[in-house]
Amino acid sequence: MNREYKEAVVELLYQLADDDLLVSYRGSEWLGLVPHIEEDVAYSSITQNTMGHAAIYYGILEELGEGKVDDLAQLRPANERKNAIILEEKNGQGHWLYEEPRYDWAFTVVRNYFYEAIKKKKIDSLKQSTYEPLVQTAIKIDTEARYHLMHWQTWFEQLIRAGGEAEERMKAAIEKVWKDIGGVLSLGPNEEKIVSAGIIESEAVLKERFLADMKEKFAELGLEFPGEPGMERGDGRAGVHTEDLEEAIATLSEVYALDPAVPW
């Protein structure tokens, strides 16, 4: 492949990999803290799957000469990460290990539901990509992605329909997440190169499909549609991030960074 095409492929791969890595990391922090034991099993499985998806993307990057998979996942500094800001945000107050966690389940449900809805649109688009390894990856993970979306959609619907405090917390979470969910839809400063190379369809196309589904779901549940998805805190694809990401990377890489040469 020529240099410009490779750069576009690499850019998108980092976005896909970093998104899945961070959202799965935040999912791992819920182990033992979710509402009931069946969800503990289900969410752990989803998190493991999603981390596996990230590993596939990092693996392709390794094949393209970007470095070792584990180094790409764990040693890159925050300003080199391409994940959307909303995915790095903490689950709530406290820390799962050192302090009593007071995590927000409504926020987690809403973030995961919107994320998986967008991810599914991207996977569908990648099946038509000009880059064959992404086509094969999309086909491989499609079934898992479909079930992940169904899982979070079920939680989304049930908590809204529960009324009372559950519904109010969900509405607050929707308002919060919607302000930054546009970052997941973003293809970053190099969108034109990525799209013109036929690697994935444009932000506009992906957003149109996502919003069509959301408008239908919001209407079905009697929710007021929040309008254009925002990117209030900036675009993570351009290296804009928060302290939450730096803390997440430090925790993720704590053991590996002791000696990256050791085969963990």
Protein backbone atom coordinates (compact mmCIF):
# COMPACT_ATOMS: atom_id res chain seq x y z
CA MET A 1 0.00 0.00 0.00
CA ASN A 2 1.19 3.58 -0.56
CA ARG A 3 2.21 5.84 2.33
CA GLU A 4 -0.93 8.02 2.37
CA TYR A 5 -3.26 5.01 2.39
CA LYS A 6 -1.27 3.36 5.18
CA GLU A 7 -1.42 6.53 7.29
CA ALA A 8 -5.21 6.61 6.93
CA VAL A 9 -5.52 2.94 7.89
CA VAL A 10 -3.26 3.38 10.92
CA GLU A 11 -5.20 6.43 12.09
CA LEU A 12 -8.53 4.61 12.05
CA LEU A 13 -7.05 1.50 13.67
CA TYR A 14 -5.79 3.54 16.60
CA GLN A 15 -9.25 5.09 17.03
CA LEU A 16 -10.99 1.72 17.00
CA ALA A 17 -8.43 0.07 19.28
CA ASP A 18 -8.21 2.87 21.83
CA ASP A 19 -12.00 3.22 22.04
CA ASP A 20 -12.46 -0.47 22.79
CA LEU A 21 -9.53 -0.55 25.22
CA LEU A 22 -10.80 2.32 27.36
CA VAL A 23 -14.47 1.35 27.42
CA SER A 24 -13.52 -2.22 28.35
CA TYR A 25 -11.15 -0.98 31.07
CA ARG A 26 -13.95 1.05 32.62
CA GLY A 27 -16.13 -2.04 32.35
CA SER A 28 -13.57 -4.12 34.23
CA GLU A 29 -13.85 -1.76 37.19
CA TRP A 30 -17.46 -2.87 37.69
CA LEU A 31 -16.43 -6.44 38.53
CA GLY A 32 -18.23 -7.41 41.74
CA LEU A 33 -20.06 -4.08 41.91
CA VAL A 34 -22.87 -4.45 39.37
CA PRO A 35 -26.53 -4.72 40.48
CA HIS A 36 -26.71 -8.54 40.57
CA ILE A 37 -24.59 -11.65 40.03
CA GLU A 38 -26.03 -12.51 36.60
CA GLU A 39 -24.98 -9.08 35.37
CA ASP A 40 -21.54 -9.59 36.86
CA VAL A 41 -21.09 -12.61 34.60
CA ALA A 42 -22.61 -10.92 31.54
CA TYR A 43 -20.74 -7.64 31.87
CA SER A 44 -17.44 -9.42 32.53
CA SER A 45 -17.95 -11.39 29.32
CA ILE A 46 -18.76 -8.24 27.35
CA THR A 47 -15.68 -6.52 28.76
CA GLN A 48 -13.48 -9.48 27.85
CA ASN A 49 -14.90 -9.55 24.32
CA THR A 50 -14.34 -5.83 23.86
CA MET A 51 -10.77 -6.03 25.13
CA GLY A 52 -10.31 -8.81 22.60
CA HIS A 53 -11.55 -6.53 19.83
CA ALA A 54 -9.00 -3.92 20.87
CA ALA A 55 -6.28 -6.59 20.79
CA ILE A 56 -7.21 -7.48 17.20
CA TYR A 57 -6.85 -3.87 16.08
CA TYR A 58 -3.55 -3.47 17.94
CA GLY A 59 -2.41 -6.71 16.32
CA ILE A 60 -3.02 -5.29 12.87
CA LEU A 61 -1.09 -2.16 13.87
CA GLU A 62 1.80 -4.38 14.96
CA GLU A 63 1.75 -6.08 11.55
CA LEU A 64 1.93 -2.62 9.97
CA GLY A 65 5.10 -1.86 11.92
CA GLU A 66 3.64 0.37 14.64
CA GLY A 67 5.18 -1.61 17.52
CA LYS A 68 4.36 -4.48 19.87
CA VAL A 69 0.70 -5.03 20.75
CA ASP A 70 1.26 -4.67 24.51
CA ASP A 71 3.38 -1.56 24.07
CA LEU A 72 0.70 0.06 21.91
CA ALA A 73 -2.00 -0.71 24.44
CA GLN A 74 -0.14 0.09 27.64
CA LEU A 75 2.85 2.36 27.10
CA ARG A 76 1.64 5.12 24.79
CA PRO A 77 1.15 8.44 26.64
CA ALA A 78 -2.25 10.06 26.94
CA ASN A 79 -1.56 12.69 24.26
CA GLU A 80 -1.02 9.92 21.69
CA ARG A 81 -4.31 8.17 22.41
CA LYS A 82 -7.15 8.41 19.92
CA ASN A 83 -10.11 7.34 22.08
CA ALA A 84 -13.19 9.49 22.52
CA ILE A 85 -13.18 11.47 25.77
CA ILE A 86 -16.50 10.08 27.02
CA LEU A 87 -14.99 6.57 27.09
CA GLU A 88 -12.14 7.50 29.43
CA GLU A 89 -14.42 9.14 32.01
CA LYS A 90 -14.54 7.48 35.42
CA ASN A 91 -17.58 5.41 36.32
CA GLY A 92 -18.25 7.68 39.27
CA GLN A 93 -16.78 8.73 42.59
CA GLY A 94 -14.18 6.72 44.46
CA HIS A 95 -11.84 4.01 43.22
CA TRP A 96 -12.57 0.32 42.85
CA LEU A 97 -9.40 -0.67 44.72
CA TYR A 98 -8.35 2.07 47.13
CA GLU A 99 -11.55 3.90 48.04
CA GLU A 100 -15.18 2.99 48.40
CA PRO A 101 -16.55 3.22 44.85
CA ARG A 102 -19.80 5.07 44.34
CA TYR A 103 -20.29 4.32 40.69
CA ASP A 104 -23.19 5.47 38.55
CA TRP A 105 -24.94 2.51 36.91
CA ALA A 106 -27.23 4.76 34.87
CA PHE A 107 -24.20 6.55 33.40
CA THR A 108 -22.59 3.20 32.55
CA VAL A 109 -25.74 1.86 30.89
CA VAL A 110 -26.24 4.99 28.80
CA ARG A 111 -22.58 5.31 27.81
CA ASN A 112 -22.37 1.66 26.79
CA TYR A 113 -25.68 1.70 24.92
CA PHE A 114 -24.76 4.74 22.85
CA TYR A 115 -21.23 3.47 22.31
CA GLU A 116 -22.33 0.03 21.13
CA ALA A 117 -24.96 1.56 18.85
CA ILE A 118 -22.28 3.66 17.14
CA LYS A 119 -19.78 0.79 17.12
CA LYS A 120 -22.28 -1.43 15.31
CA LYS A 121 -22.69 1.21 12.60
CA LYS A 122 -18.93 1.34 12.18
CA ILE A 123 -18.62 -2.43 11.99
CA ASP A 124 -21.35 -2.57 9.34
CA SER A 125 -19.49 0.07 7.35
CA LEU A 126 -16.13 -1.68 7.75
CA LYS A 127 -17.55 -4.77 6.04
CA GLN A 128 -17.34 -2.71 2.84
CA SER A 129 -13.85 -1.31 3.56
CA THR A 130 -11.12 -1.22 0.95
CA TYR A 131 -8.74 -2.58 3.60
CA GLU A 132 -9.29 -6.33 3.71
CA PRO A 133 -7.99 -6.98 7.27
CA LEU A 134 -10.67 -4.58 8.57
CA VAL A 135 -13.33 -6.32 6.49
CA GLN A 136 -12.40 -9.68 8.02
CA THR A 137 -12.23 -8.18 11.53
CA ALA A 138 -15.66 -6.61 11.16
CA ILE A 139 -17.15 -9.92 10.04
CA LYS A 140 -15.43 -11.72 12.92
CA ILE A 141 -16.66 -9.45 15.73
CA ASP A 142 -20.08 -8.57 14.31
CA THR A 143 -22.03 -11.20 16.25
CA GLU A 144 -20.48 -10.22 19.57
CA ALA A 145 -21.11 -6.55 18.86
CA ARG A 146 -24.76 -7.29 18.07
CA TYR A 147 -25.26 -9.07 21.39
CA HIS A 148 -23.45 -6.35 23.31
CA LEU A 149 -25.82 -3.80 21.81
CA MET A 150 -28.86 -5.91 22.67
CA HIS A 151 -27.64 -6.25 26.27
CA TRP A 152 -27.27 -2.53 26.86
CA GLN A 153 -30.44 -1.68 24.96
CA THR A 154 -32.37 -3.99 27.29
CA TRP A 155 -30.95 -2.24 30.36
CA PHE A 156 -31.66 1.16 28.77
CA GLU A 157 -35.28 0.31 28.07
CA GLN A 158 -35.98 -1.36 31.41
CA LEU A 159 -34.55 1.44 33.54
CA ILE A 160 -36.43 4.12 31.59
CA ARG A 161 -39.68 2.18 31.86
CA ALA A 162 -39.14 1.54 35.58
CA GLY A 163 -40.12 5.13 36.32
CA GLY A 164 -39.31 6.90 39.56
CA GLU A 165 -35.70 7.32 40.61
CA ALA A 166 -34.40 4.92 37.94
CA GLU A 167 -35.96 6.95 35.15
CA GLU A 168 -34.72 10.25 36.57
CA ARG A 169 -31.18 8.95 36.90
CA MET A 170 -31.29 7.67 33.35
CA LYS A 171 -32.48 11.02 32.02
CA ALA A 172 -29.64 12.77 33.86
CA ALA A 173 -27.17 10.27 32.41
CA ILE A 174 -28.53 10.74 28.88
CA GLU A 175 -28.07 14.50 29.19
CA LYS A 176 -24.51 14.01 30.47
CA VAL A 177 -23.36 11.44 27.92
CA TRP A 178 -24.99 13.14 24.94
CA LYS A 179 -22.80 16.22 25.46
CA ASP A 180 -19.72 14.19 24.50
CA ILE A 181 -20.95 11.16 22.53
CA GLY A 182 -20.16 13.02 19.31
CA GLY A 183 -16.54 12.18 20.04
CA VAL A 184 -17.23 8.52 19.33
CA LEU A 185 -18.67 9.44 15.94
CA SER A 186 -15.68 11.63 15.11
CA LEU A 187 -13.06 10.38 12.66
CA GLY A 188 -10.73 13.18 13.72
CA PRO A 189 -8.64 15.68 11.79
CA ASN A 190 -7.80 13.07 9.15
CA GLU A 191 -11.38 12.15 8.30
CA GLU A 192 -11.04 13.24 4.67
CA LYS A 193 -8.07 10.92 4.08
CA ILE A 194 -9.77 7.99 5.81
CA VAL A 195 -13.04 8.40 3.91
CA SER A 196 -11.52 9.17 0.50
CA ALA A 197 -9.46 5.99 0.80
CA GLY A 198 -12.67 4.02 1.26
CA ILE A 199 -11.63 2.62 4.63
CA ILE A 200 -14.91 3.58 6.32
CA GLU A 201 -17.85 5.81 5.48
CA SER A 202 -18.00 9.43 6.59
CA GLU A 203 -18.92 10.83 10.00
CA ALA A 204 -22.04 12.32 8.45
CA VAL A 205 -23.26 8.96 7.13
CA LEU A 206 -22.51 7.12 10.38
CA LYS A 207 -24.15 9.85 12.43
CA GLU A 208 -27.27 9.86 10.27
CA ARG A 209 -27.72 6.11 10.80
CA PHE A 210 -27.06 6.35 14.54
CA LEU A 211 -29.47 9.26 15.00
CA ALA A 212 -32.20 7.50 13.02
CA ASP A 213 -32.06 4.58 15.47
CA MET A 214 -31.92 6.86 18.50
CA LYS A 215 -34.86 8.99 17.39
CA GLU A 216 -36.93 5.85 16.97
CA LYS A 217 -35.90 4.49 20.38
CA PHE A 218 -36.44 7.80 22.18
CA ALA A 219 -39.90 8.15 20.65
CA GLU A 220 -40.75 4.57 21.63
CA LEU A 221 -39.80 5.29 25.25
CA GLY A 222 -41.45 8.70 25.39
CA LEU A 223 -38.14 10.54 25.80
CA GLU A 224 -37.40 14.00 24.48
CA PHE A 225 -34.76 13.72 21.79
CA PRO A 226 -31.64 15.69 22.82
CA GLY A 227 -30.71 16.94 19.35
CA GLU A 228 -27.23 17.06 17.84
CA PRO A 229 -24.71 14.88 19.71
CA GLY A 230 -21.99 17.03 21.24
CA MET A 231 -18.25 17.05 21.68
CA GLU A 232 -18.21 19.49 24.58
CA ARG A 233 -14.78 18.65 25.99
CA GLY A 234 -13.02 18.35 22.64
CA ASP A 235 -12.00 15.65 20.19
CA GLY A 236 -9.98 12.76 21.60
CA ARG A 237 -8.97 11.85 18.04
CA ALA A 238 -6.87 15.04 18.08
CA GLY A 239 -5.15 14.13 21.36
CA VAL A 240 -7.45 16.15 23.64
CA HIS A 241 -7.99 14.20 26.87
CA THR A 242 -8.65 14.49 30.59
CA GLU A 243 -6.85 13.45 33.77
CA ASP A 244 -9.11 10.40 33.86
CA LEU A 245 -7.21 8.96 30.90
CA GLU A 246 -3.81 9.49 32.50
CA GLU A 247 -4.97 7.71 35.65
CA ALA A 248 -6.46 4.86 33.61
CA ILE A 249 -3.23 4.35 31.65
CA ALA A 250 -1.18 4.40 34.85
CA THR A 251 -3.35 1.66 36.35
CA LEU A 252 -3.52 -0.41 33.17
CA SER A 253 0.22 -0.37 32.64
CA GLU A 254 1.39 -0.56 36.27
CA VAL A 255 2.58 -4.17 36.09
CA TYR A 256 3.63 -4.28 32.44
CA ALA A 257 5.67 -1.09 32.75
CA LEU A 258 7.86 -2.68 35.45
CA ASP A 259 9.62 -4.64 32.71
CA PRO A 260 8.10 -4.55 29.20
CA ALA A 261 10.66 -7.11 28.05
CA VAL A 262 9.12 -9.80 30.23
CA PRO A 263 6.56 -11.99 28.38
CA TRP A 264 3.53 -11.36 30.62
